[in-house]
Amino acid sequence: MNKAFAVKFYGLLSLWRLLLVLCVPLLLFGCEAKKTAVPATDAAVHTVTDDLGRKVTLPVQPTRIMGLDASMTEMLYAVADTGTIVGRTQHCDYPNAVLSKPVVNNYPMDYERLLFLKPQVVFATEGIISAEVAAQVQKMGIPVYFQAYDSVSDVLRGLRDLGKLLKREEQARNLVDSLTQKLQALSSDTAQQRERPKVLAIIWKDPIYVFGRNTIFTDKLRYIGADNAVPEVFAQQSPALTREYILKINPDVLVGGTFEEFEKTFFTLYPELRRIKAYQQKRIYSVTDNLMSRTSPRVVESVAELKALLR
C-alpha cells in the first residue's frame, strides 16, 4: 500500500468512526422519542359534545383556533389567548385587534385559505354556518365546534364553555360575573313598570323581515320590561310578515332605523302602516346593527341600548 493511499484510507476510517460515535446516541434517542410520542398524542385530545349534540374531538389545549363568523370571533377574543387566534372572516371587525388577522371568506367559504391557516379547531354559531359547510371543513381534518344561543344566558354559558375548552376558565368566569352584574343593574327597575311596550325589530324592509319570537331579541327585551310585538313562534327565526299582520299586532315601537329613514322607505312602500302606534307616537329608533345582530359578550351593551331608547 503506497503512503498517499494509506493516509487517505485511514483518514476516511477515522471519519466513519467519528460519525458512528455521534449518530448512534441520536438514533437511540429517536427510538425512545418515538416510543413515547403515541401516548402523548393520545393524551392531547379529548371528545366533547357541542351545543348541537355533536361529538367533536379537540386538542385538550388548542394553540391555533378561529371563529367562522363575527359573533364567534367576538366570543373568542373575550376569553381566549388572542395569540392563538389565527384568522378572521371578512365580517369580523370587533375588537379592533382582529383587523390584523388574516381573512378567510365564510360566504362562500374559502376552504383553501382556511386550510392554509391550519387551525386545530374552528368555532361556529348555529344558524350562521351551515351543517354542509361544517361537514366539508371536517373532511379537511379541522374539527368544528358549534355554539347555539337562544337567550342572553346562553351567551354567558357559551363563554364559560369556551373557558373550559381553551383552558381559560378564570378569564371566562370573571367576564361572566361582570356581565351578570351589569344585567342585574339594567333590569333592577323593570318590576315596577306598569306597561310592557311591544317592540317590532325590522331587519329587512322589502319584503318585511323581523326578529321573531324565538330569538335572543325577545330575551333582551325581557330584561328591560318590554316584549316582542310578534306574539307567536314561526318556523323561521326571522319570519317575513304581511302588512295585515303588522296592523293586527300594532307595535308600540319599531327599531331598525330612524323615523326619517322609515318615512322615506318603509312607510312610502306601505303607507297603510302609518296607522300603527309606533308611527303615530313617533317611537321609531335606530339601533347599532352589530349589537343587535351578533350574539357575543356585547349582548349586554345591546340590552342597555334598547333600554335607553325605550325610556
Protein backbone atom coordinates (compact mmCIF):
# COMPACT_ATOMS: atom_id res chain seq x y z
CA MET A 1 0.00 0.00 0.00
CA ASN A 2 1.54 3.27 -1.01
CA LYS A 3 1.91 6.04 1.52
CA ALA A 4 -0.61 8.50 -0.06
CA PHE A 5 -3.31 5.86 -0.32
CA ALA A 6 -2.76 4.75 3.29
CA VAL A 7 -3.14 8.27 4.62
CA LYS A 8 -6.38 8.73 2.67
CA PHE A 9 -7.72 5.31 3.75
CA TYR A 10 -7.08 5.74 7.46
CA GLY A 11 -8.44 9.28 7.31
CA LEU A 12 -11.74 8.01 5.92
CA LEU A 13 -11.83 5.23 8.52
CA SER A 14 -11.39 7.73 11.33
CA LEU A 15 -14.21 9.84 9.90
CA TRP A 16 -16.59 6.86 9.83
CA ARG A 17 -15.73 6.04 13.44
CA LEU A 18 -16.49 9.62 14.45
CA LEU A 19 -19.85 9.56 12.65
CA LEU A 20 -20.81 6.31 14.39
CA VAL A 21 -19.95 7.78 17.78
CA LEU A 22 -22.15 10.82 17.07
CA CYS A 23 -25.09 9.13 15.34
CA VAL A 24 -25.72 6.03 17.45
CA PRO A 25 -26.88 8.02 20.53
CA LEU A 26 -29.08 10.16 18.30
CA LEU A 27 -30.67 7.08 16.74
CA LEU A 28 -31.30 5.58 20.16
CA PHE A 29 -32.80 8.86 21.37
CA GLY A 30 -35.03 8.96 18.30
CA CYS A 31 -36.31 5.48 19.05
CA GLU A 32 -37.10 6.44 22.64
CA ALA A 33 -38.89 9.57 21.48
CA LYS A 34 -40.91 7.51 19.02
CA LYS A 35 -41.96 5.14 21.79
CA THR A 36 -43.37 8.00 23.88
CA ALA A 37 -44.91 10.04 21.01
CA VAL A 38 -48.08 7.95 20.62
CA PRO A 39 -49.24 8.13 24.27
CA ALA A 40 -48.50 11.89 24.32
CA THR A 41 -50.66 12.43 21.21
CA ASP A 42 -53.48 10.31 22.59
CA ALA A 43 -53.45 12.29 25.80
CA ALA A 44 -53.52 15.62 23.93
CA VAL A 45 -57.05 15.23 22.57
CA HIS A 46 -60.47 14.68 24.09
CA THR A 47 -64.01 14.23 22.80
CA VAL A 48 -66.65 16.76 23.81
CA THR A 49 -70.28 17.44 22.89
CA ASP A 50 -71.13 20.79 21.31
CA ASP A 51 -74.43 22.70 21.58
CA LEU A 52 -75.91 20.78 18.65
CA GLY A 53 -75.26 17.45 20.36
CA ARG A 54 -72.38 16.60 18.01
CA LYS A 55 -69.37 14.65 19.28
CA VAL A 56 -66.22 16.59 18.46
CA THR A 57 -62.62 15.55 19.12
CA LEU A 58 -60.47 18.54 20.03
CA PRO A 59 -56.96 19.21 21.34
CA VAL A 60 -57.02 19.43 25.13
CA GLN A 61 -55.39 22.85 24.89
CA PRO A 62 -55.61 24.14 21.31
CA THR A 63 -52.98 26.64 20.24
CA ARG A 64 -54.42 27.53 16.80
CA ILE A 65 -58.12 28.47 16.76
CA MET A 66 -60.54 30.54 14.70
CA GLY A 67 -64.17 31.66 14.65
CA LEU A 68 -66.10 31.09 11.42
CA ASP A 69 -68.42 34.07 11.98
CA ALA A 70 -68.29 37.52 13.56
CA SER A 71 -70.23 36.55 16.69
CA MET A 72 -67.91 33.66 17.45
CA THR A 73 -64.82 35.76 16.81
CA GLU A 74 -66.03 38.23 19.45
CA MET A 75 -66.64 35.35 21.86
CA LEU A 76 -63.10 34.04 21.32
CA TYR A 77 -61.49 37.46 21.74
CA ALA A 78 -63.29 37.83 25.06
CA VAL A 79 -61.94 34.58 26.51
CA ALA A 80 -59.04 33.10 24.52
CA ASP A 81 -55.35 33.91 24.48
CA THR A 82 -55.60 36.16 21.41
CA GLY A 83 -52.23 34.93 20.18
CA THR A 84 -53.88 31.58 19.45
CA ILE A 85 -56.46 33.14 17.08
CA VAL A 86 -55.09 32.58 13.57
CA GLY A 87 -57.67 34.35 11.39
CA ARG A 88 -60.99 36.10 10.94
CA THR A 89 -63.80 36.28 8.40
CA GLN A 90 -64.47 39.25 6.13
CA HIS A 91 -67.26 40.36 8.51
CA CYS A 92 -65.20 40.32 11.71
CA ASP A 93 -64.47 43.92 12.80
CA TYR A 94 -64.58 43.83 16.59
CA PRO A 95 -62.45 44.27 18.61
CA ASN A 96 -60.06 46.38 16.56
CA ALA A 97 -57.21 43.94 17.19
CA VAL A 98 -58.95 41.38 14.98
CA LEU A 99 -58.34 43.53 11.90
CA SER A 100 -54.68 42.48 11.91
CA LYS A 101 -55.58 38.80 11.44
CA PRO A 102 -55.58 37.04 8.03
CA VAL A 103 -59.01 36.91 6.36
CA VAL A 104 -60.91 33.77 5.39
CA ASN A 105 -64.14 34.41 3.49
CA ASN A 106 -67.02 32.49 5.04
CA TYR A 107 -69.63 33.22 2.36
CA PRO A 108 -68.80 31.44 0.22
CA MET A 109 -66.37 29.56 2.44
CA ASP A 110 -62.77 29.77 1.25
CA TYR A 111 -61.72 26.24 2.17
CA GLU A 112 -58.25 26.57 0.63
CA ARG A 113 -57.44 29.68 2.67
CA LEU A 114 -58.79 28.06 5.83
CA LEU A 115 -56.61 25.01 5.31
CA PHE A 116 -53.59 27.26 4.73
CA LEU A 117 -54.00 28.81 8.20
CA LYS A 118 -54.01 25.33 9.81
CA PRO A 119 -56.38 25.91 12.76
CA GLN A 120 -56.58 22.96 15.15
CA VAL A 121 -60.27 23.72 15.76
CA VAL A 122 -62.79 26.24 14.44
CA PHE A 123 -65.82 27.53 16.33
CA ALA A 124 -69.15 28.35 14.68
CA THR A 125 -72.56 29.76 15.59
CA GLU A 126 -75.71 27.79 14.82
CA GLY A 127 -77.78 29.43 12.10
CA ILE A 128 -74.84 31.33 10.61
CA ILE A 129 -72.61 28.48 9.47
CA SER A 130 -74.47 25.66 7.75
CA ALA A 131 -74.13 21.96 8.52
CA GLU A 132 -72.93 21.42 4.95
CA VAL A 133 -70.05 23.87 5.36
CA ALA A 134 -69.14 22.32 8.72
CA ALA A 135 -69.10 18.84 7.19
CA GLN A 136 -66.75 19.98 4.42
CA VAL A 137 -64.40 21.65 6.90
CA GLN A 138 -64.29 18.48 8.98
CA LYS A 139 -63.45 16.42 5.89
CA MET A 140 -60.33 18.59 5.69
CA GLY A 141 -59.34 17.35 9.15
CA ILE A 142 -60.39 20.50 11.03
CA PRO A 143 -62.94 19.88 13.83
CA VAL A 144 -65.90 22.27 14.04
CA TYR A 145 -67.46 23.10 17.42
CA PHE A 146 -70.92 24.76 17.32
CA GLN A 147 -72.46 27.03 19.93
CA ALA A 148 -76.18 27.94 19.94
CA TYR A 149 -77.77 30.97 21.58
CA ASP A 150 -81.49 31.42 22.19
CA SER A 151 -81.16 33.69 25.21
CA VAL A 152 -78.79 36.06 26.94
CA SER A 153 -77.98 33.37 29.49
CA ASP A 154 -76.93 31.10 26.59
CA VAL A 155 -74.22 33.61 25.70
CA LEU A 156 -72.96 33.62 29.27
CA ARG A 157 -72.98 29.84 29.34
CA GLY A 158 -71.17 29.80 25.99
CA LEU A 159 -68.39 31.97 27.44
CA ARG A 160 -67.96 29.56 30.34
CA ASP A 161 -67.85 26.60 27.94
CA LEU A 162 -65.16 28.29 25.85
CA GLY A 163 -63.19 28.96 29.02
CA LYS A 164 -63.16 25.23 29.77
CA LEU A 165 -62.27 24.20 26.22
CA LEU A 166 -59.43 26.73 25.94
CA LYS A 167 -58.09 26.34 29.49
CA ARG A 168 -59.10 29.93 30.28
CA GLU A 169 -61.69 29.26 32.96
CA GLU A 170 -60.68 32.10 35.25
CA GLN A 171 -60.88 34.69 32.46
CA ALA A 172 -64.30 33.39 31.42
CA ARG A 173 -65.60 33.30 34.97
CA ASN A 174 -64.51 36.89 35.70
CA LEU A 175 -66.11 38.12 32.48
CA VAL A 176 -69.40 36.29 33.11
CA ASP A 177 -69.56 37.65 36.68
CA SER A 178 -69.07 41.19 35.38
CA LEU A 179 -71.71 40.83 32.65
CA THR A 180 -74.18 39.29 35.10
CA GLN A 181 -73.82 42.25 37.45
CA LYS A 182 -74.46 44.68 34.59
CA LEU A 183 -77.59 42.76 33.54
CA GLN A 184 -78.90 42.81 37.08
CA ALA A 185 -78.40 46.57 37.23
CA LEU A 186 -80.20 47.06 33.91
CA SER A 187 -83.20 45.01 35.00
CA SER A 188 -83.40 46.24 38.60
CA ASP A 189 -86.23 48.73 37.95
CA THR A 190 -88.33 46.79 35.45
CA ALA A 191 -90.56 45.07 38.03
CA GLN A 192 -92.28 48.38 38.80
CA GLN A 193 -93.24 49.07 35.18
CA ARG A 194 -96.99 49.11 34.57
CA GLU A 195 -96.79 48.65 30.81
CA ARG A 196 -94.64 46.42 28.65
CA PRO A 197 -94.19 48.12 25.26
CA LYS A 198 -94.46 45.82 22.24
CA VAL A 199 -91.37 46.20 20.08
CA LEU A 200 -91.03 45.13 16.46
CA ALA A 201 -87.48 44.83 15.09
CA ILE A 202 -87.33 45.29 11.32
CA ILE A 203 -84.28 43.67 9.73
CA TRP A 204 -85.36 44.00 6.07
CA LYS A 205 -87.96 46.29 4.58
CA ASP A 206 -88.93 44.74 1.23
CA PRO A 207 -90.15 42.13 1.94
CA ILE A 208 -90.64 42.79 5.65
CA TYR A 209 -88.41 40.52 7.74
CA VAL A 210 -88.31 40.83 11.52
CA PHE A 211 -86.74 39.21 14.55
CA GLY A 212 -89.23 36.53 15.53
CA ARG A 213 -90.28 35.48 18.98
CA ASN A 214 -87.86 32.53 19.19
CA THR A 215 -84.78 34.76 19.08
CA ILE A 216 -82.42 36.31 21.57
CA PHE A 217 -84.05 39.67 20.79
CA THR A 218 -87.12 38.59 22.76
CA ASP A 219 -84.97 37.73 25.76
CA LYS A 220 -83.14 41.07 25.60
CA LEU A 221 -86.48 42.84 25.86
CA ARG A 222 -87.41 40.79 28.92
CA TYR A 223 -84.55 42.34 30.87
CA ILE A 224 -85.89 45.86 30.28
CA GLY A 225 -89.59 45.21 30.81
CA ALA A 226 -90.63 45.09 27.16
CA ASP A 227 -91.93 42.39 24.82
CA ASN A 228 -91.53 41.27 21.23
CA ALA A 229 -94.52 42.52 19.26
CA VAL A 230 -94.63 39.19 17.41
CA PRO A 231 -96.82 37.06 19.72
CA GLU A 232 -96.32 33.64 18.12
CA VAL A 233 -93.42 31.39 17.20
CA PHE A 234 -92.86 30.92 13.48
CA ALA A 235 -90.84 28.13 11.90
CA GLN A 236 -88.24 30.72 10.86
CA GLN A 237 -86.44 32.77 13.48
CA SER A 238 -86.67 35.78 11.17
CA PRO A 239 -90.09 35.47 9.53
CA ALA A 240 -91.48 37.60 6.72
CA LEU A 241 -94.61 39.46 7.87
CA THR A 242 -97.51 40.81 5.83
CA ARG A 243 -98.82 44.35 6.21
CA GLU A 244 -102.08 42.92 7.52
CA TYR A 245 -100.26 41.02 10.24
CA ILE A 246 -98.34 44.12 11.36
CA LEU A 247 -101.55 46.15 11.51
CA LYS A 248 -103.06 43.41 13.64
CA ILE A 249 -100.23 43.26 16.19
CA ASN A 250 -99.97 47.08 16.17
CA PRO A 251 -96.47 47.53 17.70
CA ASP A 252 -95.79 50.35 20.14
CA VAL A 253 -92.19 50.69 18.98
CA LEU A 254 -90.24 50.00 15.78
CA VAL A 255 -86.47 49.53 15.76
CA GLY A 256 -84.23 49.26 12.74
CA GLY A 257 -83.79 52.85 11.57
CA THR A 258 -84.62 56.46 12.34
CA PHE A 259 -88.11 57.89 11.90
CA GLU A 260 -86.88 59.85 8.87
CA GLU A 261 -85.37 56.75 7.26
CA PHE A 262 -88.55 54.75 7.76
CA GLU A 263 -90.67 57.60 6.41
CA LYS A 264 -88.68 57.73 3.18
CA THR A 265 -88.59 53.98 2.61
CA PHE A 266 -90.78 51.74 4.74
CA PHE A 267 -93.87 53.92 5.03
CA THR A 268 -93.59 55.03 1.41
CA LEU A 269 -93.79 51.36 0.42
CA TYR A 270 -96.55 50.58 2.93
CA PRO A 271 -98.45 53.82 3.62
CA GLU A 272 -101.28 51.97 5.42
CA LEU A 273 -98.82 51.08 8.20
CA ARG A 274 -98.79 54.72 9.28
CA ARG A 275 -101.79 53.68 11.38
CA ILE A 276 -99.69 51.68 13.84
CA LYS A 277 -98.94 53.14 17.28
CA ALA A 278 -95.19 53.30 16.65
CA TYR A 279 -95.72 55.70 13.76
CA GLN A 280 -98.48 57.73 15.43
CA GLN A 281 -96.32 58.28 18.53
CA LYS A 282 -93.05 58.57 16.56
CA ARG A 283 -91.45 55.76 18.56
CA ILE A 284 -89.16 54.57 15.77
CA TYR A 285 -85.49 54.17 16.61
CA SER A 286 -82.16 53.28 15.05
CA VAL A 287 -80.06 50.65 16.80
CA THR A 288 -76.44 49.59 16.38
CA ASP A 289 -76.60 46.79 13.82
CA ASN A 290 -73.78 44.59 15.04
CA LEU A 291 -75.00 44.86 18.64
CA MET A 292 -78.46 43.77 17.57
CA SER A 293 -77.43 41.01 15.20
CA ARG A 294 -74.45 39.43 16.95
CA THR A 295 -74.63 37.02 19.85
CA SER A 296 -71.50 37.96 21.75
CA PRO A 297 -70.40 39.40 25.12
CA ARG A 298 -71.65 42.75 23.81
CA VAL A 299 -75.20 41.43 24.19
CA VAL A 300 -75.29 43.39 27.46
CA GLU A 301 -74.47 46.59 25.54
CA SER A 302 -77.38 45.79 23.25
CA VAL A 303 -79.74 45.42 26.22
CA ALA A 304 -78.51 48.77 27.58
CA GLU A 305 -79.03 50.45 24.20
CA LEU A 306 -82.59 49.16 23.92
CA LYS A 307 -83.38 50.29 27.44
CA ALA A 308 -82.09 53.80 26.74
CA LEU A 309 -84.26 54.04 23.60
CA LEU A 310 -87.44 52.82 25.29
CA ARG A 311 -87.36 55.12 28.28
